Protein backbone atom coordinates (compact mmCIF):
# COMPACT_ATOMS: atom_id res chain seq x y z
CA MET A 1 32.35 -18.34 -45.76
CA GLY A 2 34.87 -17.58 -48.26
CA ILE A 3 37.49 -15.05 -48.61
CA LYS A 4 35.84 -12.15 -50.66
CA GLU A 5 32.59 -12.77 -48.30
CA ALA A 6 34.82 -12.36 -45.02
CA THR A 7 36.76 -9.29 -46.59
CA VAL A 8 33.45 -7.79 -47.26
CA HIS A 9 32.06 -8.58 -43.81
CA ARG A 10 35.24 -6.97 -42.43
CA PHE A 11 34.71 -3.68 -43.92
CA LYS A 12 31.04 -3.57 -43.07
CA LYS A 13 31.86 -4.10 -39.48
CA ILE A 14 34.71 -1.47 -39.35
CA CYS A 15 32.37 1.00 -41.39
CA SER A 16 29.57 0.47 -38.41
CA GLN A 17 31.94 0.57 -35.55
CA ARG A 18 33.48 3.47 -36.80
CA GLY A 19 30.12 5.23 -38.08
CA ILE A 20 31.58 5.61 -41.54
CA SER A 21 29.66 5.41 -44.73
CA TYR A 22 30.76 3.50 -47.79
CA ASN A 23 31.15 6.96 -49.78
CA GLU A 24 33.49 7.91 -46.68
CA LEU A 25 35.39 4.70 -46.79
CA ALA A 26 35.81 5.42 -50.61
CA ASN A 27 36.91 9.05 -50.10
CA ILE A 28 39.42 8.48 -47.33
CA SER A 29 40.78 5.71 -49.33
CA GLY A 30 41.28 7.41 -52.61
CA VAL A 31 39.12 5.15 -54.28
CA SER A 32 35.84 6.04 -56.44
CA PRO A 33 32.41 5.32 -54.35
CA SER A 34 31.61 2.71 -57.37
CA THR A 35 34.58 0.50 -56.49
CA VAL A 36 33.56 0.30 -52.95
CA TYR A 37 30.03 -0.52 -54.04
CA SER A 38 31.29 -2.90 -56.74
CA MET A 39 33.32 -5.03 -53.85
CA LEU A 40 30.19 -4.80 -51.99
CA ASP A 41 28.09 -6.73 -54.67
CA SER A 42 27.33 -10.28 -54.10
CA ASN A 43 27.67 -11.16 -57.89
CA ARG A 44 31.06 -10.18 -57.88
CA HIS A 45 33.48 -12.90 -57.16
CA ASP A 46 36.66 -11.26 -56.70
CA ILE A 47 38.39 -8.44 -54.83
CA SER A 48 41.69 -6.81 -56.00
CA LEU A 49 44.19 -6.91 -53.51
CA ILE A 50 45.44 -3.45 -54.12
CA THR A 51 41.91 -2.06 -53.70
CA VAL A 52 41.77 -4.31 -50.07
CA LYS A 53 45.35 -2.23 -49.24
CA LYS A 54 44.04 1.07 -50.33
CA LEU A 55 40.88 0.69 -47.83
CA VAL A 56 42.85 -0.89 -45.26
CA ASP A 57 45.35 2.18 -45.61
CA GLY A 58 42.28 4.57 -45.92
CA LEU A 59 41.00 2.89 -42.29
CA ASP A 60 44.51 3.82 -41.05
CA MET A 61 45.32 0.05 -40.35
CA ARG A 62 47.54 -2.23 -41.30
CA LEU A 63 46.96 -5.41 -43.30
CA ASP A 64 47.87 -7.72 -40.65
CA GLU A 65 45.44 -5.71 -38.32
CA PHE A 66 42.68 -6.01 -40.86
CA PHE A 67 43.14 -9.75 -41.48
CA SER A 68 43.34 -10.55 -37.74
CA SER A 69 39.80 -10.88 -37.24
CA GLU A 70 37.37 -13.79 -36.73
CA GLU A 71 35.98 -13.57 -40.19
CA PHE A 72 39.23 -15.12 -41.65
CA TYR A 73 40.17 -17.69 -38.73
CA GLU A 74 38.12 -20.75 -40.62
CA LEU A 75 37.68 -19.55 -44.48
CA ASP A 76 36.37 -21.95 -46.66
CA GLN A 77 38.82 -23.65 -49.19
CA GLU A 78 38.98 -21.44 -52.24
CA ILE A 79 39.98 -24.65 -54.39
CA PHE A 80 37.20 -26.72 -55.71
């Protein structure tokens, strides 16, 4: 799994656990719903770190807390 897929999986997991819709995630994070849905799109290859930070802030988490999850422990190499 690559970093983009792991990040999306982590956001989906947290939203599911907290009962938060993707629109709610956007609203509490101060980003547009289209930004969140764009991140979830498998055709998009990159996610802005600033967007990740805003979404993590909206979830009232720290970045280290967000990334301290099994999704990120054994990522595929991004250099091809």
